Amino acid sequence: YSILALNTIIEKDLISDKKKILEYFENLEKAISIKNQKDLILFKKGLYLIRNSDVQIGNNLLKKLIDEDSSLKTLAQEILQK
């Protein structure tokens, strides 16, 4: 699945099985080699987890982006401050 397809699945709640969604995230993480795109996947995965009651794991992914000085660092910091 592409980033856009996964985004559509999540936004329109086409699949409600959290385990399946996380599998899609894992597949994308393995398939993508461009750092900015991989960071975007981790960011979206973090937000998805936070929204679906896995706050600690989601926060850890956002902290990882901050620690790696990702281009999404500022957004991740803003979310963690809330």
Protein backbone atom coordinates (compact mmCIF):
# COMPACT_ATOMS: atom_id res chain seq x y z
CA TYR A 1 0.00 0.00 0.00
CA SER A 2 1.17 3.48 -0.72
CA ILE A 3 1.23 6.28 1.78
CA LEU A 4 -1.80 7.87 0.16
CA ALA A 5 -3.80 4.63 0.19
CA LEU A 6 -3.07 4.03 3.86
CA ASN A 7 -3.97 7.62 4.65
CA THR A 8 -7.33 7.17 2.90
CA ILE A 9 -8.00 3.92 4.77
CA ILE A 10 -7.34 5.62 8.11
CA GLU A 11 -9.18 8.88 7.41
CA LYS A 12 -12.30 7.20 6.05
CA ASP A 13 -12.14 4.44 8.66
CA LEU A 14 -12.37 1.80 5.92
CA ILE A 15 -10.65 -0.80 8.09
CA SER A 16 -11.28 -0.80 11.81
CA ASP A 17 -8.94 -3.66 12.69
CA LYS A 18 -6.06 -1.92 14.49
CA LYS A 19 -3.78 -4.92 14.05
CA LYS A 20 -4.29 -4.85 10.27
CA ILE A 21 -3.61 -1.11 10.08
CA LEU A 22 -0.36 -1.58 12.03
CA GLU A 23 0.64 -4.32 9.58
CA TYR A 24 0.14 -1.85 6.73
CA PHE A 25 2.34 0.67 8.53
CA GLU A 26 5.04 -1.99 8.98
CA ASN A 27 4.88 -2.92 5.29
CA LEU A 28 5.27 0.71 4.29
CA GLU A 29 8.17 1.24 6.67
CA LYS A 30 9.99 -1.70 5.07
CA ALA A 31 9.19 -0.65 1.50
CA ILE A 32 10.18 3.01 1.74
CA SER A 33 13.82 4.01 1.72
CA ILE A 34 13.54 7.81 1.38
CA LYS A 35 14.11 9.33 4.82
CA ASN A 36 11.48 12.09 4.58
CA GLN A 37 8.82 9.60 3.51
CA LYS A 38 9.83 7.15 6.22
CA ASP A 39 9.65 9.96 8.79
CA LEU A 40 6.17 10.84 7.53
CA ILE A 41 5.07 7.22 7.99
CA LEU A 42 6.45 7.16 11.55
CA PHE A 43 4.71 10.47 12.28
CA LYS A 44 1.36 9.21 10.98
CA LYS A 45 1.81 5.92 12.84
CA GLY A 46 2.51 7.84 16.05
CA LEU A 47 -0.62 9.93 15.61
CA TYR A 48 -2.67 6.85 14.79
CA LEU A 49 -1.46 5.08 17.92
CA ILE A 50 -2.11 8.11 20.13
CA ARG A 51 -5.62 8.40 18.73
CA ASN A 52 -6.26 4.69 19.28
CA SER A 53 -5.26 4.42 22.95
CA ASP A 54 -1.61 3.45 22.56
CA VAL A 55 -0.42 6.85 23.77
CA GLN A 56 2.94 5.70 25.15
CA ILE A 57 3.99 3.91 21.95
CA GLY A 58 2.79 6.83 19.83
CA ASN A 59 4.70 9.30 21.99
CA ASN A 60 7.83 7.14 21.68
CA LEU A 61 7.62 7.30 17.89
CA LEU A 62 7.29 11.09 18.00
CA LYS A 63 10.25 11.30 20.40
CA LYS A 64 12.27 9.19 17.98
CA LEU A 65 11.58 11.72 15.22
CA ILE A 66 12.70 14.53 17.53
CA ASP A 67 15.87 12.69 18.55
CA GLU A 68 16.73 11.98 14.90
CA ASP A 69 16.28 15.70 14.07
CA SER A 70 13.61 14.88 11.49
CA SER A 71 12.06 17.54 9.30
CA LEU A 72 8.89 16.79 11.31
CA LYS A 73 10.65 17.54 14.61
CA THR A 74 8.74 20.78 15.27
CA LEU A 75 5.34 19.16 14.67
CA ALA A 76 6.25 16.20 16.86
CA GLN A 77 7.33 18.57 19.66
CA GLU A 78 4.07 20.50 19.44
CA ILE A 79 2.02 17.32 19.72
CA LEU A 80 4.02 16.05 22.69
CA GLN A 81 3.51 19.35 24.52
CA LYS A 82 -0.28 18.98 24.40
